[in-house]
Protein backbone atom coordinates (compact mmCIF):
# COMPACT_ATOMS: atom_id res chain seq x y z
CA UNK A 1 -13.57 6.46 21.83
CA UNK A 2 -15.37 4.45 19.05
CA UNK A 3 -12.95 3.47 16.14
CA UNK A 4 -13.94 2.03 12.64
CA UNK A 5 -11.17 0.26 11.31
CA UNK A 6 -11.17 -0.52 7.66
CA UNK A 7 -9.16 -3.39 6.16
CA UNK A 8 -8.06 -6.86 6.94
CA UNK A 9 -8.03 -8.37 10.50
CA UNK A 10 -4.45 -7.15 11.90
CA UNK A 11 -3.94 -8.47 15.46
CA UNK A 12 -1.10 -6.18 16.68
CA UNK A 13 -3.08 -3.11 15.63
CA UNK A 14 -6.27 -3.95 16.92
CA UNK A 15 -4.80 -4.87 20.69
CA UNK A 16 -2.95 -1.68 20.56
CA UNK A 17 -6.09 0.30 19.93
CA UNK A 18 -7.80 -1.22 22.32
CA UNK A 19 -5.02 -0.92 24.73
CA UNK A 20 -6.45 2.74 24.87
CA UNK A 21 -9.78 1.38 26.24
CA UNK A 22 -11.43 2.12 22.93
CA UNK A 23 -13.84 0.36 21.18
CA UNK A 24 -12.52 -0.92 17.88
CA UNK A 25 -15.15 -2.40 15.08
CA UNK A 26 -13.65 -4.16 12.27
CA UNK A 27 -15.10 -3.55 8.41
CA UNK A 28 -13.24 -5.27 5.44
CA UNK A 29 -16.08 -5.02 2.71
CA UNK A 30 -17.75 -2.20 0.79
CA UNK A 31 -19.04 0.65 2.99
CA UNK A 32 -22.37 1.55 3.05
CA UNK A 33 -22.23 5.52 3.55
CA UNK A 34 -25.56 6.20 5.50
CA UNK A 35 -24.78 3.53 7.83
CA UNK A 36 -21.22 4.68 8.67
CA UNK A 37 -22.43 8.26 8.87
CA UNK A 38 -25.33 7.54 11.33
CA UNK A 39 -22.97 5.35 13.32
CA UNK A 40 -21.10 8.55 14.34
CA UNK A 41 -17.62 6.89 14.93
CA UNK A 42 -15.14 9.19 16.48
CA UNK A 43 -12.42 8.18 14.16
CA UNK A 44 -11.75 5.86 11.14
CA UNK A 45 -8.63 4.52 10.44
CA UNK A 46 -7.88 2.64 7.00
CA UNK A 47 -5.10 0.12 6.34
CA UNK A 48 -4.88 -2.09 3.58
CA UNK A 49 -8.66 -1.58 2.65
CA UNK A 50 -9.19 -2.40 -0.85
CA UNK A 51 -12.08 0.19 -1.68
CA UNK A 52 -12.51 3.75 -2.45
CA UNK A 53 -14.07 5.48 0.71
CA UNK A 54 -17.07 7.18 -0.61
CA UNK A 55 -17.15 11.15 -0.79
CA UNK A 56 -19.97 11.39 2.04
CA UNK A 57 -18.12 9.51 4.50
CA UNK A 58 -15.06 11.62 3.75
CA UNK A 59 -16.91 14.86 4.04
CA UNK A 60 -18.72 13.64 7.39
CA UNK A 61 -15.35 12.60 8.87
CA UNK A 62 -13.41 15.20 7.68
CA UNK A 63 -10.21 15.28 10.01
CA UNK A 64 -11.19 11.99 11.52
CA UNK A 65 -10.41 9.91 8.91
CA UNK A 66 -6.77 8.43 8.05
CA UNK A 67 -4.75 6.21 5.89
CA UNK A 68 -1.69 3.96 6.53
CA UNK A 69 -0.18 3.52 3.14
CA UNK A 70 3.19 1.59 2.55
CA UNK A 71 4.57 4.18 0.07
CA UNK A 72 6.85 7.50 0.40
CA UNK A 73 4.04 9.78 -0.87
CA UNK A 74 3.64 11.72 -3.21
CA UNK A 75 5.05 8.58 -4.76
CA UNK A 76 3.22 5.38 -5.57
CA UNK A 77 -0.42 6.43 -4.66
CA UNK A 78 -3.01 3.88 -5.33
CA UNK A 79 -2.25 -0.04 -5.99
CA UNK A 80 0.91 -2.10 -5.51
CA UNK A 81 3.16 0.61 -3.90
CA UNK A 82 5.85 -1.57 -2.80
CA UNK A 83 6.01 -3.34 -6.36
CA UNK A 84 5.92 0.17 -8.32
CA UNK A 85 8.62 1.54 -6.20
CA UNK A 86 11.16 -1.03 -7.35
CA UNK A 87 9.78 -1.10 -10.94
CA UNK A 88 10.06 2.35 -11.57
CA UNK A 89 12.98 2.92 -8.92
CA UNK A 90 11.09 5.68 -6.70
CA UNK A 91 11.68 6.29 -3.03
CA UNK A 92 10.32 3.81 -0.73
CA UNK A 93 8.80 4.14 2.39
CA UNK A 94 5.65 4.60 4.58
CA UNK A 95 3.13 7.20 5.18
CA UNK A 96 0.17 8.02 7.79
CA UNK A 97 -2.18 10.77 5.98
CA UNK A 98 -5.37 11.94 6.21
CA UNK A 99 -8.15 10.89 3.76
CA UNK A 100 -9.50 13.44 1.32
CA UNK A 101 -11.49 12.85 -2.01
CA UNK A 102 -8.49 12.03 -3.90
CA UNK A 103 -6.79 8.26 -3.79
CA UNK A 104 -3.84 8.77 -1.23
CA UNK A 105 -3.44 12.45 -1.51
CA UNK A 106 -4.45 14.05 1.88
CA UNK A 107 -2.22 16.10 3.90
CA UNK A 108 0.61 13.82 5.63
CA UNK A 109 0.57 13.41 9.11
CA UNK A 110 4.01 11.51 9.47
CA UNK A 111 6.13 9.61 6.98
CA UNK A 112 9.54 7.59 6.84
CA UNK A 113 11.41 6.76 3.94
CA UNK A 114 12.69 3.29 4.22
CA UNK A 115 16.10 1.96 2.19
CA UNK A 116 16.68 -1.53 0.96
CA UNK A 117 19.71 -3.04 -0.04
CA UNK A 118 18.47 -4.85 -3.45
CA UNK A 119 18.84 -8.34 -1.99
CA UNK A 120 15.22 -8.43 -0.67
CA UNK A 121 12.18 -10.15 -2.18
CA UNK A 122 8.89 -8.44 -2.69
CA UNK A 123 7.51 -10.44 -0.12
CA UNK A 124 10.29 -9.57 2.46
CA UNK A 125 10.07 -5.70 1.36
CA UNK A 126 6.64 -5.61 1.96
CA UNK A 127 6.68 -7.33 5.35
CA UNK A 128 9.23 -4.54 6.27
CA UNK A 129 7.15 -1.61 5.32
CA UNK A 130 4.28 -3.23 6.99
CA UNK A 131 6.30 -3.74 10.20
CA UNK A 132 7.73 -0.29 9.81
CA UNK A 133 4.16 1.45 9.53
CA UNK A 134 2.84 -0.31 12.27
CA UNK A 135 5.78 0.84 14.57
CA UNK A 136 5.05 4.53 12.98
CA UNK A 137 1.59 4.36 14.05
CA UNK A 138 2.12 3.19 17.46
CA UNK A 139 4.57 6.06 17.96
CA UNK A 140 2.10 8.77 16.38
CA UNK A 141 -1.31 7.44 17.35
CA UNK A 142 -1.60 8.98 20.80
CA UNK A 143 -0.79 12.39 18.94
CA UNK A 144 -3.31 11.56 16.38
CA UNK A 145 -5.98 10.45 18.79
CA UNK A 146 -5.36 13.86 21.04
CA UNK A 147 -5.48 16.14 17.86
CA UNK A 148 -1.72 17.65 18.46
CA UNK A 149 0.08 16.59 15.70
CA UNK A 150 1.28 18.41 12.38
CA UNK A 151 0.04 17.82 9.25
CA UNK A 152 1.63 19.01 5.70
CA UNK A 153 -0.06 19.08 2.29
CA UNK A 154 1.55 16.73 -0.28
CA UNK A 155 3.70 18.84 -2.84
CA UNK A 156 4.78 17.41 -6.53
CA UNK A 157 3.09 15.06 -8.74
CA UNK A 158 4.52 11.67 -7.37
CA UNK A 159 3.04 9.03 -8.92
CA UNK A 160 0.00 6.93 -9.19
CA UNK A 161 -1.15 3.57 -10.45
CA UNK A 162 -4.60 1.60 -10.86
CA UNK A 163 -4.41 -2.53 -9.89
CA UNK A 164 -4.54 -3.07 -13.40
CA UNK A 165 -1.68 -1.38 -14.32
CA UNK A 166 0.78 -4.16 -13.15
CA UNK A 167 -0.58 -6.84 -15.58
CA UNK A 168 1.73 -5.97 -18.31
CA UNK A 169 4.83 -6.53 -15.84
CA UNK A 170 3.67 -9.85 -14.11
CA UNK A 171 5.96 -11.89 -16.53
CA UNK A 172 8.71 -10.34 -14.55
CA UNK A 173 7.61 -11.96 -11.22
CA UNK A 174 9.46 -15.31 -12.05
CA UNK A 175 8.84 -16.32 -8.41
CA UNK A 176 5.78 -14.54 -7.78
CA UNK A 177 6.43 -12.39 -4.56
CA UNK A 178 9.60 -14.06 -3.71
CA UNK A 179 11.06 -12.46 -6.85
CA UNK A 180 14.22 -10.63 -5.86
CA UNK A 181 13.68 -6.77 -6.00
CA UNK A 182 17.05 -6.66 -8.08
CA UNK A 183 15.45 -8.35 -11.01
CA UNK A 184 12.42 -5.68 -11.20
CA UNK A 185 14.57 -2.33 -10.36
CA UNK A 186 14.11 0.17 -13.15
CA UNK A 187 12.13 -2.41 -15.56
CA UNK A 188 8.98 -0.24 -15.99
CA UNK A 189 11.23 2.62 -17.27
CA UNK A 190 12.94 0.44 -19.74
CA UNK A 191 10.06 -1.23 -20.93
CA UNK A 192 8.61 2.47 -21.98
CA UNK A 193 11.85 3.51 -23.28
CA UNK A 194 11.88 0.34 -25.47
CA UNK A 195 8.18 0.96 -26.54
CA UNK A 196 9.36 4.68 -27.52
CA UNK A 197 12.40 3.27 -29.61
CA UNK A 198 9.69 0.93 -31.67
CA UNK A 199 7.21 3.35 -32.01
């Protein structure tokens, strides 16, 4: 099997995929649709990839392209899911899903809710989510690879954020990504309420 891995280099993930004697090609930059289509990969895996995958690629690789997302979809689709899960006090977790034309809207293959104590920082909670999704992927990949897994359409509106949405809350990150999450919980909702009261 020939696999295209989209996103930054993840040593443990790559070594795991190669353990199936599959060829794994890495790509972190913007895709050129025709090149990807002509390469005719058997499967595409996106993990931490920072670009929207072109519709032509999604259509060509229908049911052969998945994403690993560190949120409990449909909550926190899009950018900075870990940050928003604390700012808006929404469910936290990890999801592996098929990629469709939307952003993090495809059918769910498997997901797991993760609970935090509030003593974590953004950095430590991010590491926990990253470790957990790699474990979940390793447990699930044989079934995905063999196409013997379940898939469930997403239900409910959930939430979605763009990269720029966090700019108005950056002042809350007193210690950057080492800021304790207890200082962030529900802050975005309070900001919205204050704006409403002042409006």
